[in-house]
């Protein structure tokens, strides 16, 4: 299953208007896979399917890493 398909499937299972927070650990993904899923969520936001509320990042050794993304399914 691709990361896009995984994100789409997981989002489709969420109830509407429920605040949801995903992390790599909560989804059982490594950092690269989680980044790909988060990118898909941003695409879904531009399509009006979700509303991204917050993304948290940190920096380590000059690299920025995505820690979590919080969003609401709206369609």
Protein backbone atom coordinates (compact mmCIF):
# COMPACT_ATOMS: atom_id res chain seq x y z
CA UNK A 1 0.00 0.00 0.00
CA UNK A 2 1.38 3.41 -0.91
CA UNK A 3 1.62 6.19 1.64
CA UNK A 4 -1.10 8.13 -0.20
CA UNK A 5 -3.42 5.12 -0.11
CA UNK A 6 -2.63 4.54 3.56
CA UNK A 7 -3.42 8.16 4.45
CA UNK A 8 -6.62 8.11 2.38
CA UNK A 9 -7.79 4.88 4.02
CA UNK A 10 -7.06 6.07 7.55
CA UNK A 11 -8.74 9.44 6.98
CA UNK A 12 -11.82 7.77 5.48
CA UNK A 13 -12.28 5.82 8.71
CA UNK A 14 -12.33 8.94 10.89
CA UNK A 15 -15.61 10.52 11.94
CA UNK A 16 -16.31 14.02 10.65
CA UNK A 17 -15.24 16.99 12.80
CA UNK A 18 -13.14 14.92 15.20
CA UNK A 19 -9.83 16.43 16.27
CA UNK A 20 -7.12 13.91 15.33
CA UNK A 21 -3.39 13.92 16.06
CA UNK A 22 -1.03 11.58 14.28
CA UNK A 23 2.64 10.91 14.96
CA UNK A 24 5.02 8.47 13.32
CA UNK A 25 4.85 6.33 16.45
CA UNK A 26 1.05 6.33 16.64
CA UNK A 27 0.88 5.10 13.04
CA UNK A 28 3.82 2.70 13.38
CA UNK A 29 5.79 4.47 10.64
CA UNK A 30 9.38 5.59 10.26
CA UNK A 31 10.15 9.29 9.76
CA UNK A 32 10.28 9.15 5.96
CA UNK A 33 6.97 7.31 5.71
CA UNK A 34 5.35 9.69 8.18
CA UNK A 35 6.58 12.67 6.16
CA UNK A 36 4.94 11.15 3.06
CA UNK A 37 1.65 10.62 4.92
CA UNK A 38 1.78 14.20 6.24
CA UNK A 39 2.38 15.46 2.69
CA UNK A 40 -0.75 13.60 1.59
CA UNK A 41 -2.71 15.23 4.41
CA UNK A 42 -1.62 18.64 3.13
CA UNK A 43 -2.86 17.62 -0.33
CA UNK A 44 -6.18 16.54 1.18
CA UNK A 45 -6.41 19.93 2.88
CA UNK A 46 -6.11 21.71 -0.48
CA UNK A 47 -8.92 19.46 -1.76
CA UNK A 48 -11.13 20.46 1.18
CA UNK A 49 -11.28 17.00 2.77
CA UNK A 50 -9.48 17.93 6.00
CA UNK A 51 -8.43 21.03 7.90
CA UNK A 52 -4.87 20.92 9.24
CA UNK A 53 -4.90 22.57 12.66
CA UNK A 54 -1.25 22.24 13.65
CA UNK A 55 2.03 20.67 12.63
CA UNK A 56 4.83 20.37 15.18
CA UNK A 57 8.46 20.11 14.16
CA UNK A 58 11.81 20.13 15.87
CA UNK A 59 15.35 20.62 14.68
CA UNK A 60 18.23 18.30 15.39
CA UNK A 61 21.71 18.67 13.91
CA UNK A 62 20.39 21.26 11.48
CA UNK A 63 17.63 19.01 10.16
CA UNK A 64 13.95 19.81 10.66
CA UNK A 65 11.82 16.82 11.56
CA UNK A 66 8.03 16.57 11.62
CA UNK A 67 6.84 15.27 14.99
CA UNK A 68 3.07 15.41 14.72
CA UNK A 69 0.19 16.67 12.63
CA UNK A 70 -3.18 17.58 14.06
CA UNK A 71 -6.20 17.85 11.78
CA UNK A 72 -9.99 17.56 11.48
CA UNK A 73 -11.83 15.65 8.76
CA UNK A 74 -14.39 18.02 7.26
CA UNK A 75 -15.67 16.13 4.21
